[in-house]
């Protein structure tokens, strides 16, 4: 199940307060500016900077090109 659109419109990165990229197929919220990913567990985003993981170039490309991805924040 994907995250609710209303929730996605409100979410921002806790580290730099910018938008995130949500990829439903990978259950991840991603900050491409600092290349860190946050897991989504049981439809709950785990937005703790201590739980974020670094993303390498290959995973960055995969996340950014995934067709299920969308940016958080209001359009």
N, C-alpha and C. Protein backbone atom coordinates (compact mmCIF):
# COMPACT_ATOMS: atom_id res chain seq x y z
N UNK A 1 0.85 -1.19 0.00
CA UNK A 1 0.00 0.00 0.00
C UNK A 1 0.89 1.24 0.00
N UNK A 2 0.56 2.20 -0.82
CA UNK A 2 1.33 3.44 -0.93
C UNK A 2 0.93 4.43 0.16
N UNK A 3 1.83 5.35 0.43
CA UNK A 3 1.53 6.40 1.39
C UNK A 3 0.45 7.32 0.85
N UNK A 4 -0.32 7.87 1.75
CA UNK A 4 -1.42 8.78 1.42
C UNK A 4 -0.88 10.06 0.77
N UNK A 5 -1.56 10.53 -0.26
CA UNK A 5 -1.15 11.73 -0.98
C UNK A 5 -1.12 12.95 -0.06
N UNK A 6 -2.07 13.06 0.82
CA UNK A 6 -2.09 14.19 1.76
C UNK A 6 -0.83 14.19 2.61
N UNK A 7 -0.44 13.03 3.12
CA UNK A 7 0.77 12.92 3.93
C UNK A 7 2.00 13.29 3.11
N UNK A 8 2.07 12.79 1.88
CA UNK A 8 3.22 13.10 1.02
C UNK A 8 3.35 14.60 0.75
N UNK A 9 2.23 15.30 0.68
CA UNK A 9 2.26 16.74 0.47
C UNK A 9 2.88 17.48 1.65
N UNK A 10 2.87 16.86 2.83
CA UNK A 10 3.37 17.50 4.04
C UNK A 10 4.81 17.13 4.39
N UNK A 11 5.28 15.99 3.91
CA UNK A 11 6.58 15.49 4.32
C UNK A 11 7.74 16.30 3.78
N UNK A 12 8.77 16.44 4.62
CA UNK A 12 10.03 17.06 4.21
C UNK A 12 11.16 16.33 4.92
N UNK A 13 12.36 16.50 4.41
CA UNK A 13 13.51 15.84 5.00
C UNK A 13 13.83 16.48 6.36
N UNK A 14 14.04 15.67 7.40
CA UNK A 14 14.34 16.23 8.71
C UNK A 14 15.74 16.86 8.78
N UNK A 15 16.63 16.49 7.87
CA UNK A 15 17.99 17.02 7.90
C UNK A 15 18.09 18.41 7.26
N UNK A 16 17.54 18.58 6.05
CA UNK A 16 17.68 19.86 5.37
C UNK A 16 16.35 20.54 5.06
N UNK A 17 15.26 19.94 5.48
CA UNK A 17 13.90 20.49 5.36
C UNK A 17 13.44 20.72 3.92
N UNK A 18 14.06 20.01 2.99
CA UNK A 18 13.66 20.08 1.59
C UNK A 18 12.75 18.90 1.24
N UNK A 19 12.26 18.87 0.00
CA UNK A 19 11.39 17.78 -0.43
C UNK A 19 12.15 16.46 -0.54
N UNK A 20 11.39 15.39 -0.50
CA UNK A 20 11.92 14.04 -0.64
C UNK A 20 11.32 13.41 -1.89
N UNK A 21 11.90 12.32 -2.31
CA UNK A 21 11.34 11.53 -3.42
C UNK A 21 10.82 10.24 -2.81
N UNK A 22 9.52 10.00 -2.97
CA UNK A 22 8.91 8.77 -2.46
C UNK A 22 8.81 7.78 -3.60
N UNK A 23 9.35 6.58 -3.38
CA UNK A 23 9.28 5.51 -4.38
C UNK A 23 8.51 4.35 -3.74
N UNK A 24 7.26 4.21 -4.16
CA UNK A 24 6.37 3.21 -3.57
C UNK A 24 6.88 1.79 -3.78
N UNK A 25 7.42 1.50 -4.95
CA UNK A 25 7.86 0.13 -5.23
C UNK A 25 9.04 -0.29 -4.37
N UNK A 26 9.78 0.67 -3.83
CA UNK A 26 10.94 0.36 -2.98
C UNK A 26 10.69 0.66 -1.51
N UNK A 27 9.52 1.21 -1.18
CA UNK A 27 9.20 1.64 0.18
C UNK A 27 10.31 2.50 0.77
N UNK A 28 10.60 3.58 0.07
CA UNK A 28 11.69 4.46 0.50
C UNK A 28 11.35 5.92 0.23
N UNK A 29 11.79 6.78 1.11
CA UNK A 29 11.78 8.22 0.91
C UNK A 29 13.24 8.62 0.76
N UNK A 30 13.55 9.40 -0.27
CA UNK A 30 14.93 9.66 -0.64
C UNK A 30 15.20 11.14 -0.79
N UNK A 31 16.33 11.58 -0.25
CA UNK A 31 16.78 12.95 -0.43
C UNK A 31 17.94 12.93 -1.42
N UNK A 32 17.71 13.32 -2.67
CA UNK A 32 18.77 13.27 -3.67
C UNK A 32 19.86 14.31 -3.46
N UNK A 33 19.58 15.35 -2.68
CA UNK A 33 20.57 16.39 -2.45
C UNK A 33 21.71 15.90 -1.56
N UNK A 34 21.38 15.07 -0.57
CA UNK A 34 22.41 14.54 0.33
C UNK A 34 22.57 13.03 0.20
N UNK A 35 21.83 12.46 -0.77
CA UNK A 35 21.89 11.03 -1.09
C UNK A 35 21.72 10.14 0.15
N UNK A 36 20.62 10.40 0.85
CA UNK A 36 20.24 9.56 1.97
C UNK A 36 18.80 9.09 1.81
N UNK A 37 18.57 7.85 2.23
CA UNK A 37 17.25 7.23 2.11
C UNK A 37 16.69 6.89 3.48
N UNK A 38 15.38 7.02 3.58
CA UNK A 38 14.64 6.66 4.79
C UNK A 38 13.68 5.55 4.42
N UNK A 39 13.64 4.52 5.23
CA UNK A 39 12.75 3.39 4.98
C UNK A 39 11.31 3.75 5.34
N UNK A 40 10.38 3.09 4.67
CA UNK A 40 8.96 3.16 5.02
C UNK A 40 8.60 1.75 5.48
N UNK A 41 8.26 1.62 6.76
CA UNK A 41 7.95 0.32 7.34
C UNK A 41 6.48 0.26 7.74
N UNK A 42 5.78 -0.72 7.21
CA UNK A 42 4.34 -0.88 7.49
C UNK A 42 3.58 0.42 7.24
N UNK A 43 3.89 1.08 6.11
CA UNK A 43 3.25 2.33 5.69
C UNK A 43 3.52 3.50 6.64
N UNK A 44 4.61 3.41 7.42
CA UNK A 44 5.00 4.49 8.31
C UNK A 44 6.41 4.95 7.92
N UNK A 45 6.56 6.21 7.53
CA UNK A 45 7.89 6.71 7.18
C UNK A 45 8.75 6.85 8.44
N UNK A 46 9.94 6.30 8.39
CA UNK A 46 10.88 6.39 9.51
C UNK A 46 11.84 7.54 9.20
N UNK A 47 11.42 8.74 9.57
CA UNK A 47 12.18 9.94 9.23
C UNK A 47 13.07 10.38 10.39
N UNK A 48 13.95 9.50 10.78
CA UNK A 48 14.93 9.79 11.82
C UNK A 48 16.30 9.86 11.15
N UNK A 49 17.01 10.96 11.34
CA UNK A 49 18.32 11.10 10.70
C UNK A 49 19.27 9.99 11.12
N UNK A 50 19.11 9.48 12.32
CA UNK A 50 19.97 8.39 12.79
C UNK A 50 19.66 7.07 12.09
N UNK A 51 18.49 6.95 11.45
CA UNK A 51 18.09 5.74 10.74
C UNK A 51 18.30 5.84 9.23
N UNK A 52 18.67 7.02 8.74
CA UNK A 52 18.89 7.21 7.30
C UNK A 52 20.12 6.42 6.86
N UNK A 53 20.09 6.00 5.59
CA UNK A 53 21.24 5.28 5.05
C UNK A 53 21.74 5.98 3.81
N UNK A 54 23.05 5.87 3.58
CA UNK A 54 23.65 6.47 2.40
C UNK A 54 23.30 5.66 1.16
N UNK A 55 23.22 6.36 0.02
CA UNK A 55 22.85 5.74 -1.25
C UNK A 55 24.01 5.95 -2.23
N UNK A 56 24.41 4.86 -2.90
CA UNK A 56 25.49 4.96 -3.89
C UNK A 56 24.93 5.40 -5.24
N UNK A 57 25.83 5.59 -6.22
CA UNK A 57 25.42 6.10 -7.53
C UNK A 57 24.40 5.20 -8.23
N UNK A 58 24.60 3.90 -8.16
CA UNK A 58 23.70 2.96 -8.84
C UNK A 58 22.29 3.02 -8.24
N UNK A 59 22.21 3.03 -6.91
CA UNK A 59 20.90 3.09 -6.26
C UNK A 59 20.24 4.46 -6.50
N UNK A 60 21.03 5.51 -6.52
CA UNK A 60 20.51 6.85 -6.81
C UNK A 60 19.80 6.85 -8.17
N UNK A 61 20.45 6.30 -9.18
CA UNK A 61 19.85 6.24 -10.52
C UNK A 61 18.57 5.41 -10.52
N UNK A 62 18.60 4.29 -9.80
CA UNK A 62 17.42 3.42 -9.72
C UNK A 62 16.25 4.16 -9.08
N UNK A 63 16.51 4.86 -7.99
CA UNK A 63 15.45 5.59 -7.29
C UNK A 63 14.91 6.72 -8.16
N UNK A 64 15.80 7.49 -8.75
CA UNK A 64 15.39 8.66 -9.52
C UNK A 64 14.64 8.29 -10.81
N UNK A 65 14.90 7.10 -11.34
CA UNK A 65 14.25 6.68 -12.59
C UNK A 65 13.08 5.73 -12.39
N UNK A 66 12.75 5.42 -11.16
CA UNK A 66 11.64 4.50 -10.88
C UNK A 66 10.31 5.18 -11.25
N UNK A 67 9.49 4.52 -12.05
CA UNK A 67 8.22 5.14 -12.48
C UNK A 67 7.20 5.31 -11.36
N UNK A 68 7.40 4.66 -10.21
CA UNK A 68 6.46 4.84 -9.10
C UNK A 68 6.87 6.00 -8.20
N UNK A 69 7.94 6.71 -8.55
CA UNK A 69 8.43 7.79 -7.72
C UNK A 69 7.65 9.09 -7.92
N UNK A 70 7.58 9.84 -6.84
CA UNK A 70 7.01 11.18 -6.88
C UNK A 70 7.64 12.00 -5.77
N UNK A 71 7.70 13.30 -5.97
CA UNK A 71 8.29 14.19 -4.98
C UNK A 71 7.26 14.55 -3.93
N UNK A 72 7.75 14.75 -2.70
CA UNK A 72 6.88 15.21 -1.62
C UNK A 72 6.73 16.73 -1.71
N UNK A 73 5.83 17.24 -0.96
CA UNK A 73 5.57 18.68 -0.98
C UNK A 73 4.42 19.00 -1.90
N UNK A 74 3.96 20.19 -1.80
CA UNK A 74 2.83 20.62 -2.62
C UNK A 74 3.33 20.97 -4.03
N UNK A 75 2.59 20.51 -5.06
CA UNK A 75 3.02 20.80 -6.44
C UNK A 75 2.97 22.27 -6.78
